[in-house]
Amino acid sequence: MFGAERLRTLAILPVKEFSRAHERLAGEISAADRARLAEELFLDMMIKVRRCKTVDDVLIVTSDSEVVRHAKWVGIDVLSLAEDPGHSDAAARGIRDAVAGDFERVAVLPTDCPLFDPVDFDAHLGRTPRAALIVPNHDHSGTNALILTPPDCFEPAFGSESLVRHTGRARASGVSFALEEIEGLAHDLDTPEDLAYLREALLVSAERSPRAARVLWEIGGDPTEDDESAVRLTDSSPTPPPA
């Protein structure tokens, strides 16, 4: 499926402290529910990334001891930091580890895109194995993922208007690159509008992120009988480690 250009690839997941996650949703859901949602989104994504056939290894970069505990429970490598340096710096530190480990490509991925589909992701990476891919969010105001070949071809610069910054850095580096729209990475959880969209999307396809789907419905009000049947799934994710 992926041809002769099979590149040794490290997936990097920078993970913010659960207690500080989704602060822009403070007017919509409580701090406790935001932390719980961030944790379940992370658990769903962690499991799905390991299913990607184009990914050889996974590295989680975080300062949150709970994240470290979950990752170690399932045998995923962790770069543990003393404090949260921000998404871009955490990604850069992971990239340095990838270079030291002789990886040929990195995929810097979010943990708050519950519609992420490993099969679709593999298809995109398999089509353009030697290009850097800049994956925009749904309205092209930011970047939700970076696939960099080689890993250090340019520095990540996530945040507001990051699509423009990443495009400029890619051009300046001289690397071959493309803007790659990946449906499962288009919608991250940032605004109240994102919250409403993802809640509805997971109603009809809760299997794409079962833990997060359950929490979104619990904090969004009582679902109807039909809604309950839509999210009543067998969770195939491993049981979290004991506290």
Protein backbone atom coordinates (compact mmCIF):
# COMPACT_ATOMS: atom_id res chain seq x y z
CA MET A 1 0.00 0.00 0.00
CA PHE A 2 2.76 2.44 0.90
CA GLY A 3 5.26 1.49 -1.79
CA ALA A 4 9.04 1.58 -1.62
CA GLU A 5 9.19 4.93 0.14
CA ARG A 6 8.48 3.54 3.60
CA LEU A 7 9.96 6.11 5.99
CA ARG A 8 10.77 5.48 9.63
CA THR A 9 8.22 7.74 11.29
CA LEU A 10 7.76 9.02 14.82
CA ALA A 11 4.37 10.39 15.89
CA ILE A 12 4.77 13.20 18.43
CA LEU A 13 1.86 14.13 20.70
CA PRO A 14 2.44 17.30 22.73
CA VAL A 15 -0.04 17.12 25.61
CA LYS A 16 -1.03 20.10 27.74
CA GLU A 17 -1.79 19.58 31.42
CA PHE A 18 -5.36 18.32 31.71
CA SER A 19 -6.18 20.93 34.36
CA ARG A 20 -5.29 23.74 31.92
CA ALA A 21 -6.90 22.31 28.80
CA HIS A 22 -9.68 23.94 26.75
CA GLU A 23 -9.63 27.21 28.70
CA ARG A 24 -11.57 28.95 25.91
CA LEU A 25 -14.52 26.75 26.84
CA ALA A 26 -14.65 28.08 30.41
CA GLY A 27 -18.00 29.71 29.75
CA GLU A 28 -19.47 26.45 28.44
CA ILE A 29 -18.29 23.68 30.77
CA SER A 30 -16.73 23.48 34.21
CA ALA A 31 -13.01 23.18 34.88
CA ALA A 32 -13.48 19.61 36.12
CA ASP A 33 -15.36 18.60 32.99
CA ARG A 34 -12.77 20.28 30.76
CA ALA A 35 -10.03 18.27 32.45
CA ARG A 36 -12.04 15.05 32.15
CA LEU A 37 -12.75 15.71 28.49
CA ALA A 38 -9.08 16.45 27.77
CA GLU A 39 -8.09 13.18 29.43
CA GLU A 40 -10.57 11.10 27.44
CA LEU A 41 -9.65 12.80 24.16
CA PHE A 42 -6.01 12.00 24.88
CA LEU A 43 -6.76 8.36 25.69
CA ASP A 44 -8.76 7.90 22.49
CA MET A 45 -6.05 9.54 20.35
CA MET A 46 -3.21 7.66 22.01
CA ILE A 47 -4.81 4.34 21.11
CA LYS A 48 -5.69 5.37 17.56
CA VAL A 49 -2.19 6.62 16.72
CA ARG A 50 -0.75 3.24 17.64
CA ARG A 51 -2.99 1.70 14.96
CA CYS A 52 -1.46 3.80 12.17
CA LYS A 53 0.55 1.59 9.83
CA THR A 54 2.72 4.52 8.67
CA VAL A 55 3.83 5.24 12.25
CA ASP A 56 6.73 3.24 13.71
CA ASP A 57 6.77 4.72 17.19
CA VAL A 58 4.97 7.27 19.36
CA LEU A 59 6.42 9.89 21.68
CA ILE A 60 4.33 11.89 24.13
CA VAL A 61 5.72 15.23 25.32
CA THR A 62 4.15 16.55 28.51
CA SER A 63 4.60 18.00 31.98
CA ASP A 64 1.43 16.32 33.32
CA SER A 65 2.07 13.37 35.63
CA GLU A 66 -1.33 11.88 34.75
CA VAL A 67 -0.42 11.84 31.07
CA VAL A 68 2.89 10.17 31.92
CA ARG A 69 1.08 7.55 33.98
CA HIS A 70 -1.37 6.70 31.19
CA ALA A 71 1.37 6.50 28.56
CA LYS A 72 3.62 4.27 30.60
CA TRP A 73 0.68 1.98 31.36
CA VAL A 74 0.39 1.11 27.65
CA GLY A 75 4.14 1.21 26.95
CA ILE A 76 4.40 4.48 25.04
CA ASP A 77 7.59 6.55 25.33
CA VAL A 78 7.32 9.86 27.17
CA LEU A 79 9.47 12.97 27.15
CA SER A 80 8.61 14.29 30.60
CA LEU A 81 9.12 18.03 31.15
CA ALA A 82 9.39 20.02 34.36
CA GLU A 83 6.85 22.57 33.08
CA ASP A 84 4.62 23.07 30.06
CA PRO A 85 6.61 25.01 27.41
CA GLY A 86 3.65 25.46 25.05
CA HIS A 87 2.61 23.40 22.06
CA SER A 88 5.29 24.59 19.61
CA ASP A 89 8.21 24.20 22.01
CA ALA A 90 6.95 20.79 23.15
CA ALA A 91 6.76 19.71 19.50
CA ALA A 92 10.27 21.05 18.86
CA ARG A 93 11.66 19.06 21.78
CA GLY A 94 10.02 15.93 20.44
CA ILE A 95 11.51 16.62 17.01
CA ARG A 96 14.98 16.87 18.52
CA ASP A 97 14.46 13.43 20.05
CA ALA A 98 13.33 12.13 16.64
CA VAL A 99 16.49 13.44 14.98
CA ALA A 100 18.64 11.87 17.70
CA GLY A 101 16.78 8.61 17.16
CA ASP A 102 17.42 8.64 13.39
CA PHE A 103 13.76 8.93 12.41
CA GLU A 104 13.25 10.03 8.82
CA ARG A 105 9.86 11.67 9.37
CA VAL A 106 7.77 13.04 12.21
CA ALA A 107 4.03 13.52 12.50
CA VAL A 108 3.18 16.17 15.09
CA LEU A 109 -0.41 15.39 15.99
CA PRO A 110 -3.07 16.95 18.23
CA THR A 111 -4.95 15.10 20.93
CA ASP A 112 -8.19 17.09 20.54
CA CYS A 113 -9.31 15.91 17.08
CA PRO A 114 -11.73 13.10 17.99
CA LEU A 115 -12.67 12.39 14.36
CA PHE A 116 -9.10 11.28 13.56
CA ASP A 117 -9.13 8.11 11.45
CA PRO A 118 -5.93 5.99 11.31
CA VAL A 119 -6.80 4.43 7.94
CA ASP A 120 -7.41 7.79 6.26
CA PHE A 121 -4.27 9.22 7.87
CA ASP A 122 -2.18 6.33 6.54
CA ALA A 123 -3.56 6.91 3.05
CA HIS A 124 -2.49 10.56 3.07
CA LEU A 125 1.01 9.78 4.30
CA GLY A 126 1.41 6.94 1.84
CA ARG A 127 0.60 9.14 -1.16
CA THR A 128 3.29 11.77 -0.47
CA PRO A 129 6.06 10.07 1.51
CA ARG A 130 8.79 12.59 0.71
CA ALA A 131 6.85 15.83 1.18
CA ALA A 132 6.29 17.89 4.29
CA LEU A 133 2.55 18.11 4.89
CA ILE A 134 0.90 21.08 6.59
CA VAL A 135 -2.56 20.03 7.76
CA PRO A 136 -4.93 23.00 8.22
CA ASN A 137 -7.93 23.24 10.48
CA HIS A 138 -11.39 23.43 8.93
CA ASP A 139 -11.34 27.19 8.27
CA HIS A 140 -7.65 27.42 7.36
CA SER A 141 -6.92 29.81 10.22
CA GLY A 142 -4.48 27.44 11.89
CA THR A 143 -2.54 24.20 11.66
CA ASN A 144 -3.74 21.02 13.35
CA ALA A 145 -0.87 18.73 12.35
CA LEU A 146 2.56 18.76 10.74
CA ILE A 147 4.23 15.89 8.92
CA LEU A 148 7.88 16.82 8.42
CA THR A 149 10.40 15.09 6.16
CA PRO A 150 13.13 15.42 7.33
CA PRO A 151 11.97 15.98 10.92
CA ASP A 152 13.90 19.23 11.40
CA CYS A 153 13.18 20.81 8.01
CA PHE A 154 11.56 23.79 9.76
CA GLU A 155 10.54 24.83 13.27
CA PRO A 156 6.90 24.35 14.30
CA ALA A 157 4.97 27.54 15.10
CA PHE A 158 1.47 26.58 16.21
CA GLY A 159 -1.18 29.02 17.39
CA SER A 160 -3.36 31.69 15.81
CA GLU A 161 -2.72 32.10 12.05
CA SER A 162 -0.14 29.31 12.16
CA LEU A 163 -1.03 28.11 8.66
CA VAL A 164 0.54 31.25 7.20
CA ARG A 165 3.63 30.91 9.40
CA HIS A 166 4.15 27.25 8.58
CA THR A 167 3.72 27.86 4.87
CA GLY A 168 6.29 30.66 5.01
CA ARG A 169 8.76 28.54 6.96
CA ALA A 170 8.34 25.63 4.57
CA ARG A 171 9.01 27.85 1.58
CA ALA A 172 12.03 29.41 3.24
CA SER A 173 13.47 25.98 4.06
CA GLY A 174 13.35 24.88 0.42
CA VAL A 175 11.69 21.59 1.34
CA SER A 176 9.01 20.05 -0.86
CA PHE A 177 5.68 20.62 0.91
CA ALA A 178 1.93 20.56 0.45
CA LEU A 179 -1.15 21.80 2.24
CA GLU A 180 -2.94 18.55 2.98
CA GLU A 181 -6.57 18.57 4.07
CA ILE A 182 -7.27 15.51 6.21
CA GLU A 183 -10.91 15.25 7.22
CA GLY A 184 -10.25 13.60 10.57
CA LEU A 185 -7.80 16.33 11.57
CA ALA A 186 -9.87 19.30 10.39
CA HIS A 187 -11.91 19.85 13.56
CA ASP A 188 -10.13 20.35 16.87
CA LEU A 189 -11.82 21.34 20.10
CA ASP A 190 -11.15 25.03 20.66
CA THR A 191 -14.33 27.12 20.62
CA PRO A 192 -17.97 26.69 21.68
CA GLU A 193 -18.79 26.17 18.00
CA ASP A 194 -16.26 23.33 17.84
CA LEU A 195 -17.82 21.82 20.96
CA ALA A 196 -21.28 21.81 19.36
CA TYR A 197 -20.00 20.46 16.03
CA LEU A 198 -17.99 17.60 17.54
CA ARG A 199 -20.76 16.65 19.92
CA GLU A 200 -23.17 16.24 17.00
CA ALA A 201 -20.57 14.49 14.82
CA LEU A 202 -19.84 11.94 17.52
CA LEU A 203 -23.53 11.25 17.96
CA VAL A 204 -23.57 9.52 14.58
CA SER A 205 -20.04 8.08 14.71
CA ALA A 206 -19.18 7.67 18.38
CA GLU A 207 -16.90 4.72 17.57
CA ARG A 208 -14.34 7.20 16.24
CA SER A 209 -13.67 8.46 19.78
CA PRO A 210 -15.81 6.50 22.25
CA ARG A 211 -14.45 7.91 25.49
CA ALA A 212 -14.73 11.52 24.35
CA ALA A 213 -18.19 10.87 22.85
CA ARG A 214 -19.45 9.66 26.20
CA VAL A 215 -18.12 12.73 28.04
CA LEU A 216 -19.42 15.18 25.43
CA TRP A 217 -22.91 13.79 25.82
CA GLU A 218 -22.75 13.71 29.60
CA ILE A 219 -21.73 17.37 29.82
CA GLY A 220 -24.04 18.44 27.00
CA GLY A 221 -27.29 17.49 28.69
CA ASP A 222 -29.45 14.41 28.75
CA PRO A 223 -29.55 12.72 25.33
CA THR A 224 -32.74 11.31 23.92
CA GLU A 225 -33.35 7.56 23.85
CA ASP A 226 -32.13 7.44 20.25
CA ASP A 227 -29.02 9.43 21.18
CA GLU A 228 -28.21 7.03 24.01
CA SER A 229 -28.30 4.06 21.67
CA ALA A 230 -25.96 5.88 19.29
CA VAL A 231 -23.25 6.29 21.92
CA ARG A 232 -23.73 2.95 23.69
CA LEU A 233 -20.56 1.28 22.45
CA THR A 234 -18.10 -1.28 23.67
CA ASP A 235 -14.95 0.64 24.57
CA SER A 236 -11.95 -1.23 23.15
CA SER A 237 -9.44 1.08 24.81
CA PRO A 238 -7.37 -0.34 27.65
CA THR A 239 -8.49 0.28 31.20
CA PRO A 240 -6.65 3.31 32.62
CA PRO A 241 -4.04 2.58 35.27
CA PRO A 242 -5.14 2.65 38.88
CA ALA A 243 -4.65 5.93 40.73
